[in-house]
Amino acid sequence: MNRVMILGANILQIPLIKQAREMGCETVVVAPNPDEPGFQYASHSVFADVSDKETVLRYAIEYEISGIITDQTDIPVRTVAFVADQMGLPGIGYETACLFTDKFLMRERCKELGIPTLAYELVDSIDAAVEFFENIDGDVIIKPVDNQGSRGVFRVSSVGDLVNKFEQASGFSKQGTVLIEQYVTGREFVVEGLAFDYEFGNLICGDTYYFDIEIKSISVCKIPRLDELSVLG
């Protein structure tokens, strides 16, 4: 029987866990908190830090998994790629995973490819951040290089703001480093797609609209089954 390891057991991972079960796979679900709701749908439960790639690899070998995946969270992406590489399983590759989960490395690669970027710098001290801010002569954005969900992201308009927010931003970074970059305004687009076998298929392109209202409820749309998607055809 195919045995798939899924990193994350929160409510957002439940559709993935259930889908794997429906496709006839045993599921090895990994998350640090045993109270997370996804575990009730797991064939096997592992309580571990999903960012600890060596520990997750040990469990993956123990359970003799045939695949590893995550969804709706950035934190385990590197671990998924690392385990896949080590076990010869399908994956995006560890180097690629690092590029997509480190904001500084991502911008560095864009620069290498000739893709225009805003002025930015990786800093690990408030003095370096202040120097960059003063050279920009305008607002900046500071953000941890390796977190998700916009936690620790701040717009800064003065040195005082920078001093107040820098420690918070760096506290959300596992590396303790902060990306500081030029702030700009303009039209924001959302582009999402899926890459498979070195080909990219666009799924959606749209505008972003922000509402200054209190959110009372959120509507959730049905996500297509994996075997319902025809990405490139």
C-alpha atoms as a PDB file:
ATOM      1  CA  MET A   1       0.000   0.000   0.000  1.00  0.00           C
ATOM      2  CA  ASN A   2       1.180   3.524  -0.768  1.00  0.00           C
ATOM      3  CA  ARG A   3       2.009   5.416   2.393  1.00  0.00           C
ATOM      4  CA  VAL A   4       2.078   9.211   2.161  1.00  0.00           C
ATOM      5  CA  MET A   5       3.577  11.491   4.799  1.00  0.00           C
ATOM      6  CA  ILE A   6       1.694  14.771   5.223  1.00  0.00           C
ATOM      7  CA  LEU A   7       3.271  17.610   7.183  1.00  0.00           C
ATOM      8  CA  GLY A   8       0.730  19.673   9.091  1.00  0.00           C
ATOM      9  CA  ALA A   9      -2.464  18.581  10.853  1.00  0.00           C
ATOM     10  CA  ASN A  10      -4.407  21.795  11.188  1.00  0.00           C
ATOM     11  CA  ILE A  11      -7.835  22.429   9.698  1.00  0.00           C
ATOM     12  CA  LEU A  12      -6.285  23.637   6.414  1.00  0.00           C
ATOM     13  CA  GLN A  13      -4.508  20.297   5.917  1.00  0.00           C
ATOM     14  CA  ILE A  14      -7.635  18.178   6.507  1.00  0.00           C
ATOM     15  CA  PRO A  15      -8.781  18.202   2.834  1.00  0.00           C
ATOM     16  CA  LEU A  16      -5.349  16.939   1.762  1.00  0.00           C
ATOM     17  CA  ILE A  17      -5.331  14.189   4.396  1.00  0.00           C
ATOM     18  CA  LYS A  18      -8.839  13.074   3.479  1.00  0.00           C
ATOM     19  CA  GLN A  19      -8.025  13.177  -0.236  1.00  0.00           C
ATOM     20  CA  ALA A  20      -5.025  10.910   0.269  1.00  0.00           C
ATOM     21  CA  ARG A  21      -7.177   8.435   2.198  1.00  0.00           C
ATOM     22  CA  GLU A  22      -9.845   8.511  -0.525  1.00  0.00           C
ATOM     23  CA  MET A  23      -7.142   7.667  -3.086  1.00  0.00           C
ATOM     24  CA  GLY A  24      -6.288   4.530  -1.129  1.00  0.00           C
ATOM     25  CA  CYS A  25      -3.153   5.773   0.645  1.00  0.00           C
ATOM     26  CA  GLU A  26      -2.170   5.321   4.246  1.00  0.00           C
ATOM     27  CA  THR A  27      -1.370   8.706   5.766  1.00  0.00           C
ATOM     28  CA  VAL A  28       1.471   9.492   8.141  1.00  0.00           C
ATOM     29  CA  VAL A  29       0.524  12.891   9.524  1.00  0.00           C
ATOM     30  CA  VAL A  30       3.210  14.953  11.260  1.00  0.00           C
ATOM     31  CA  ALA A  31       2.660  18.001  13.499  1.00  0.00           C
ATOM     32  CA  PRO A  32       3.935  19.101  16.909  1.00  0.00           C
ATOM     33  CA  ASN A  33       0.559  19.555  18.644  1.00  0.00           C
ATOM     34  CA  PRO A  34      -1.361  16.327  19.333  1.00  0.00           C
ATOM     35  CA  ASP A  35      -4.601  18.305  19.647  1.00  0.00           C
ATOM     36  CA  GLU A  36      -4.607  19.411  16.011  1.00  0.00           C
ATOM     37  CA  PRO A  37      -7.774  18.228  14.230  1.00  0.00           C
ATOM     38  CA  GLY A  38      -6.091  16.601  11.248  1.00  0.00           C
ATOM     39  CA  PHE A  39      -4.839  13.714  13.351  1.00  0.00           C
ATOM     40  CA  GLN A  40      -8.327  12.226  13.573  1.00  0.00           C
ATOM     41  CA  TYR A  41      -8.102  11.441   9.847  1.00  0.00           C
ATOM     42  CA  ALA A  42      -4.560  10.027   9.983  1.00  0.00           C
ATOM     43  CA  SER A  43      -3.612   6.385   9.580  1.00  0.00           C
ATOM     44  CA  HIS A  44      -0.479   7.085  11.636  1.00  0.00           C
ATOM     45  CA  SER A  45       0.238  10.116  13.832  1.00  0.00           C
ATOM     46  CA  VAL A  46       3.685  11.567  14.486  1.00  0.00           C
ATOM     47  CA  PHE A  47       4.162  14.397  16.968  1.00  0.00           C
ATOM     48  CA  ALA A  48       7.229  16.316  15.804  1.00  0.00           C
ATOM     49  CA  ASP A  49       8.385  19.763  14.687  1.00  0.00           C
ATOM     50  CA  VAL A  50       7.718  19.900  10.939  1.00  0.00           C
ATOM     51  CA  SER A  51      10.710  22.220  10.457  1.00  0.00           C
ATOM     52  CA  ASP A  52      13.086  19.627  11.968  1.00  0.00           C
ATOM     53  CA  LYS A  53      14.061  17.936   8.726  1.00  0.00           C
ATOM     54  CA  GLU A  54      16.371  15.307  10.248  1.00  0.00           C
ATOM     55  CA  THR A  55      13.721  14.108  12.706  1.00  0.00           C
ATOM     56  CA  VAL A  56      11.043  14.008  10.018  1.00  0.00           C
ATOM     57  CA  LEU A  57      13.431  12.067   7.757  1.00  0.00           C
ATOM     58  CA  ARG A  58      13.941   9.502  10.520  1.00  0.00           C
ATOM     59  CA  TYR A  59      10.202   8.946  10.806  1.00  0.00           C
ATOM     60  CA  ALA A  60       9.824   8.849   7.017  1.00  0.00           C
ATOM     61  CA  ILE A  61      12.364   6.025   6.821  1.00  0.00           C
ATOM     62  CA  GLU A  62      10.742   4.223   9.747  1.00  0.00           C
ATOM     63  CA  TYR A  63       7.311   4.277   8.078  1.00  0.00           C
ATOM     64  CA  GLU A  64       8.785   3.476   4.637  1.00  0.00           C
ATOM     65  CA  ILE A  65       6.813   6.241   2.969  1.00  0.00           C
ATOM     66  CA  SER A  66       6.344   6.403  -0.786  1.00  0.00           C
ATOM     67  CA  GLY A  67       5.626  10.132  -0.923  1.00  0.00           C
ATOM     68  CA  ILE A  68       5.701  13.316   1.158  1.00  0.00           C
ATOM     69  CA  ILE A  69       3.666  16.502   0.774  1.00  0.00           C
ATOM     70  CA  THR A  70       2.297  19.560   2.580  1.00  0.00           C
ATOM     71  CA  ASP A  71      -0.305  22.215   1.805  1.00  0.00           C
ATOM     72  CA  GLN A  72      -1.474  25.649   2.979  1.00  0.00           C
ATOM     73  CA  THR A  73       1.672  26.301   5.009  1.00  0.00           C
ATOM     74  CA  ASP A  74       5.189  27.451   4.096  1.00  0.00           C
ATOM     75  CA  ILE A  75       7.030  26.211   7.183  1.00  0.00           C
ATOM     76  CA  PRO A  76       7.396  22.498   6.211  1.00  0.00           C
ATOM     77  CA  VAL A  77       8.256  23.116   2.539  1.00  0.00           C
ATOM     78  CA  ARG A  78      12.004  22.748   3.067  1.00  0.00           C
ATOM     79  CA  THR A  79      11.514  19.609   5.129  1.00  0.00           C
ATOM     80  CA  VAL A  80       9.334  18.045   2.423  1.00  0.00           C
ATOM     81  CA  ALA A  81      11.974  18.750  -0.213  1.00  0.00           C
ATOM     82  CA  PHE A  82      14.816  17.509   2.009  1.00  0.00           C
ATOM     83  CA  VAL A  83      13.115  14.206   2.802  1.00  0.00           C
ATOM     84  CA  ALA A  84      12.142  13.693  -0.833  1.00  0.00           C
ATOM     85  CA  ASP A  85      15.746  14.267  -1.932  1.00  0.00           C
ATOM     86  CA  GLN A  86      17.168  11.947   0.708  1.00  0.00           C
ATOM     87  CA  MET A  87      14.729   9.137  -0.081  1.00  0.00           C
ATOM     88  CA  GLY A  88      14.654   9.528  -3.860  1.00  0.00           C
ATOM     89  CA  LEU A  89      10.990  10.559  -3.878  1.00  0.00           C
ATOM     90  CA  PRO A  90       9.308  13.079  -6.195  1.00  0.00           C
ATOM     91  CA  GLY A  91       9.852  16.657  -5.042  1.00  0.00           C
ATOM     92  CA  ILE A  92      10.870  20.160  -6.043  1.00  0.00           C
ATOM     93  CA  GLY A  93      14.432  19.832  -4.753  1.00  0.00           C
ATOM     94  CA  TYR A  94      15.884  21.266  -1.566  1.00  0.00           C
ATOM     95  CA  GLU A  95      17.595  24.213  -3.279  1.00  0.00           C
ATOM     96  CA  THR A  96      14.334  25.256  -4.928  1.00  0.00           C
ATOM     97  CA  ALA A  97      12.488  24.913  -1.625  1.00  0.00           C
ATOM     98  CA  CYS A  98      15.003  27.233   0.032  1.00  0.00           C
ATOM     99  CA  LEU A  99      14.545  29.830  -2.709  1.00  0.00           C
ATOM    100  CA  PHE A 100      10.792  29.836  -2.232  1.00  0.00           C
ATOM    101  CA  THR A 101      10.899  30.047   1.569  1.00  0.00           C
ATOM    102  CA  ASP A 102      13.646  32.637   2.051  1.00  0.00           C
ATOM    103  CA  LYS A 103      12.684  36.135   0.922  1.00  0.00           C
ATOM    104  CA  PHE A 104      16.300  37.260   0.600  1.00  0.00           C
ATOM    105  CA  LEU A 105      17.398  34.261  -1.477  1.00  0.00           C
ATOM    106  CA  MET A 106      14.328  34.730  -3.663  1.00  0.00           C
ATOM    107  CA  ARG A 107      15.265  38.323  -4.446  1.00  0.00           C
ATOM    108  CA  GLU A 108      18.882  37.375  -5.035  1.00  0.00           C
ATOM    109  CA  ARG A 109      17.807  34.801  -7.608  1.00  0.00           C
ATOM    110  CA  CYS A 110      15.521  37.365  -9.276  1.00  0.00           C
ATOM    111  CA  LYS A 111      18.516  39.672  -9.571  1.00  0.00           C
ATOM    112  CA  GLU A 112      20.597  36.878 -11.132  1.00  0.00           C
ATOM    113  CA  LEU A 113      17.839  36.281 -13.702  1.00  0.00           C
ATOM    114  CA  GLY A 114      17.555  39.966 -14.555  1.00  0.00           C
ATOM    115  CA  ILE A 115      14.110  40.382 -12.985  1.00  0.00           C
ATOM    116  CA  PRO A 116      13.717  43.940 -11.639  1.00  0.00           C
ATOM    117  CA  THR A 117      13.519  44.164  -7.850  1.00  0.00           C
ATOM    118  CA  LEU A 118      13.049  46.918  -5.306  1.00  0.00           C
ATOM    119  CA  ALA A 119      16.044  48.100  -3.300  1.00  0.00           C
ATOM    120  CA  TYR A 120      16.581  45.625  -0.450  1.00  0.00           C
ATOM    121  CA  GLU A 121      19.128  44.394   2.051  1.00  0.00           C
ATOM    122  CA  LEU A 122      19.484  41.543   4.520  1.00  0.00           C
ATOM    123  CA  VAL A 123      20.245  42.918   7.995  1.00  0.00           C
ATOM    124  CA  ASP A 124      20.841  41.403  11.399  1.00  0.00           C
ATOM    125  CA  SER A 125      21.250  44.592  13.460  1.00  0.00           C
ATOM    126  CA  ILE A 126      19.283  47.757  14.020  1.00  0.00           C
ATOM    127  CA  ASP A 127      22.292  49.859  13.001  1.00  0.00           C
ATOM    128  CA  ALA A 128      22.394  48.247   9.545  1.00  0.00           C
ATOM    129  CA  ALA A 129      18.637  48.676   9.212  1.00  0.00           C
ATOM    130  CA  VAL A 130      18.812  52.376  10.121  1.00  0.00           C
ATOM    131  CA  GLU A 131      21.623  52.949   7.614  1.00  0.00           C
ATOM    132  CA  PHE A 132      19.547  51.378   4.824  1.00  0.00           C
ATOM    133  CA  PHE A 133      16.464  53.364   5.837  1.00  0.00           C
ATOM    134  CA  GLU A 134      18.315  56.669   5.767  1.00  0.00           C
ATOM    135  CA  ASN A 135      19.791  55.900   2.342  1.00  0.00           C
ATOM    136  CA  ILE A 136      16.346  55.091   0.913  1.00  0.00           C
ATOM    137  CA  ASP A 137      14.925  58.418   2.113  1.00  0.00           C
ATOM    138  CA  GLY A 138      11.386  57.063   2.218  1.00  0.00           C
ATOM    139  CA  ASP A 139       9.191  54.392   3.761  1.00  0.00           C
ATOM    140  CA  VAL A 140      10.428  50.802   3.938  1.00  0.00           C
ATOM    141  CA  ILE A 141       9.005  47.373   4.669  1.00  0.00           C
ATOM    142  CA  ILE A 142      10.728  45.077   7.168  1.00  0.00           C
ATOM    143  CA  LYS A 143       9.968  41.393   7.343  1.00  0.00           C
ATOM    144  CA  PRO A 144      11.511  38.181   8.676  1.00  0.00           C
ATOM    145  CA  VAL A 145      13.172  36.281   5.854  1.00  0.00           C
ATOM    146  CA  ASP A 146      11.716  32.876   6.683  1.00  0.00           C
ATOM    147  CA  ASN A 147       8.226  33.143   8.144  1.00  0.00           C
ATOM    148  CA  GLN A 148       4.696  32.983   6.785  1.00  0.00           C
ATOM    149  CA  GLY A 149       1.279  34.599   7.144  1.00  0.00           C
ATOM    150  CA  SER A 150       2.653  38.182   7.210  1.00  0.00           C
ATOM    151  CA  ARG A 151       3.721  37.771  10.835  1.00  0.00           C
ATOM    152  CA  GLY A 152       6.449  40.241  11.735  1.00  0.00           C
ATOM    153  CA  VAL A 153       5.891  42.380   8.619  1.00  0.00           C
ATOM    154  CA  PHE A 154       5.765  46.142   9.187  1.00  0.00           C
ATOM    155  CA  ARG A 155       5.725  49.337   7.171  1.00  0.00           C
ATOM    156  CA  VAL A 156       8.206  51.794   8.671  1.00  0.00           C
ATOM    157  CA  SER A 157       8.076  55.573   8.197  1.00  0.00           C
ATOM    158  CA  SER A 158      10.672  56.824  10.681  1.00  0.00           C
ATOM    159  CA  VAL A 159      13.782  55.763  12.561  1.00  0.00           C
ATOM    160  CA  GLY A 160      11.665  55.608  15.706  1.00  0.00           C
ATOM    161  CA  ASP A 161       9.258  53.183  14.031  1.00  0.00           C
ATOM    162  CA  LEU A 162      12.176  51.118  12.819  1.00  0.00           C
ATOM    163  CA  VAL A 163      13.702  50.839  16.282  1.00  0.00           C
ATOM    164  CA  ASN A 164      10.327  49.838  17.753  1.00  0.00           C
ATOM    165  CA  LYS A 165       9.489  47.229  15.123  1.00  0.00           C
ATOM    166  CA  PHE A 166      12.870  45.724  14.270  1.00  0.00           C
ATOM    167  CA  GLU A 167      13.065  43.431  17.292  1.00  0.00           C
ATOM    168  CA  GLN A 168       9.545  42.136  16.623  1.00  0.00           C
ATOM    169  CA  ALA A 169      10.372  41.392  12.994  1.00  0.00           C
ATOM    170  CA  SER A 170      13.632  39.621  13.818  1.00  0.00           C
ATOM    171  CA  GLY A 171      11.879  37.656  16.561  1.00  0.00           C
ATOM    172  CA  PHE A 172       9.698  35.977  13.947  1.00  0.00           C
ATOM    173  CA  SER A 173      12.739  34.852  11.943  1.00  0.00           C
ATOM    174  CA  LYS A 174      14.294  31.479  12.710  1.00  0.00           C
ATOM    175  CA  GLN A 175      17.584  32.874  11.381  1.00  0.00           C
ATOM    176  CA  GLY A 176      17.230  36.111  13.357  1.00  0.00           C
ATOM    177  CA  THR A 177      17.627  38.134  10.165  1.00  0.00           C
ATOM    178  CA  VAL A 178      15.355  40.726   8.595  1.00  0.00           C
ATOM    179  CA  LEU A 179      14.787  41.761   5.002  1.00  0.00           C
ATOM    180  CA  ILE A 180      14.389  45.519   4.668  1.00  0.00           C
ATOM    181  CA  GLU A 181      13.231  46.883   1.339  1.00  0.00           C
ATOM    182  CA  GLN A 182      11.887  49.945  -0.378  1.00  0.00           C
ATOM    183  CA  TYR A 183       8.162  50.585   0.019  1.00  0.00           C
ATOM    184  CA  VAL A 184       6.116  51.395  -3.068  1.00  0.00           C
ATOM    185  CA  THR A 185       2.440  51.812  -3.855  1.00  0.00           C
ATOM    186  CA  GLY A 186       0.531  50.687  -6.916  1.00  0.00           C
ATOM    187  CA  ARG A 187      -1.840  48.124  -8.311  1.00  0.00           C
ATOM    188  CA  GLU A 188      -1.452  44.657  -6.824  1.00  0.00           C
ATOM    189  CA  PHE A 189      -2.157  41.490  -8.787  1.00  0.00           C
ATOM    190  CA  VAL A 190      -2.591  37.934  -7.594  1.00  0.00           C
ATOM    191  CA  VAL A 191      -1.184  35.282  -9.917  1.00  0.00           C
ATOM    192  CA  GLU A 192      -1.345  31.628  -8.966  1.00  0.00           C
ATOM    193  CA  GLY A 193      -0.411  28.546 -10.914  1.00  0.00           C
ATOM    194  CA  LEU A 194       1.027  25.066 -10.783  1.00  0.00           C
ATOM    195  CA  ALA A 195       4.357  23.837 -12.087  1.00  0.00           C
ATOM    196  CA  PHE A 196       4.662  20.215 -13.165  1.00  0.00           C
ATOM    197  CA  ASP A 197       7.491  18.501 -15.003  1.00  0.00           C
ATOM    198  CA  TYR A 198       9.176  21.878 -15.697  1.00  0.00           C
ATOM    199  CA  GLU A 199       6.045  23.346 -17.254  1.00  0.00           C
ATOM    200  CA  PHE A 200       3.906  26.040 -15.656  1.00  0.00           C
ATOM    201  CA  GLY A 201       0.134  26.305 -15.912  1.00  0.00           C
ATOM    202  CA  ASN A 202      -1.596  29.486 -14.816  1.00  0.00           C
ATOM    203  CA  LEU A 203      -4.648  28.909 -12.628  1.00  0.00           C
ATOM    204  CA  ILE A 204      -5.802  32.428 -11.811  1.00  0.00           C
ATOM    205  CA  CYS A 205      -4.894  36.084 -12.265  1.00  0.00           C
ATOM    206  CA  GLY A 206      -6.794  38.771 -10.430  1.00  0.00           C
ATOM    207  CA  ASP A 207      -6.801  42.066  -8.567  1.00  0.00           C
ATOM    208  CA  THR A 208      -6.397  42.480  -4.828  1.00  0.00           C
ATOM    209  CA  TYR A 209      -8.988  44.578  -3.047  1.00  0.00           C
ATOM    210  CA  TYR A 210      -8.687  45.640   0.577  1.00  0.00           C
ATOM    211  CA  PHE A 211     -11.754  46.424   2.679  1.00  0.00           C
ATOM    212  CA  ASP A 212     -11.650  48.546   5.808  1.00  0.00           C
ATOM    213  CA  ILE A 213     -14.381  46.540   7.519  1.00  0.00           C
ATOM    214  CA  GLU A 214     -14.645  44.072  10.349  1.00  0.00           C
ATOM    215  CA  ILE A 215     -14.773  40.525   8.995  1.00  0.00           C
ATOM    216  CA  LYS A 216     -17.821  38.631  10.254  1.00  0.00           C
ATOM    217  CA  SER A 217     -17.503  35.470   8.184  1.00  0.00           C
ATOM    218  CA  ILE A 218     -15.416  33.879   5.448  1.00  0.00           C
ATOM    219  CA  SER A 219     -16.800  31.937   2.494  1.00  0.00           C
ATOM    220  CA  VAL A 220     -14.822  28.856   1.502  1.00  0.00           C
ATOM    221  CA  CYS A 221     -14.837  27.499  -2.040  1.00  0.00           C
ATOM    222  CA  LYS A 222     -14.441  23.828  -2.925  1.00  0.00           C
ATOM    223  CA  ILE A 223     -10.913  22.885  -3.967  1.00  0.00           C
ATOM    224  CA  PRO A 224     -10.855  20.504  -6.972  1.00  0.00           C
ATOM    225  CA  ARG A 225      -9.624  16.980  -6.399  1.00  0.00           C
ATOM    226  CA  LEU A 226      -6.088  16.282  -7.574  1.00  0.00           C
ATOM    227  CA  ASP A 227      -7.388  13.946 -10.264  1.00  0.00           C
ATOM    228  CA  GLU A 228      -9.904  16.580 -11.421  1.00  0.00           C
ATOM    229  CA  LEU A 229      -7.217  19.101 -12.315  1.00  0.00           C
ATOM    230  CA  SER A 230      -6.118  19.446 -15.920  1.00  0.00           C
ATOM    231  CA  VAL A 231      -3.443  22.022 -15.456  1.00  0.00           C
ATOM    232  CA  LEU A 232      -1.654  21.966 -18.741  1.00  0.00           C
ATOM    233  CA  GLY A 233      -4.184  20.354 -21.022  1.00  0.00           C
END
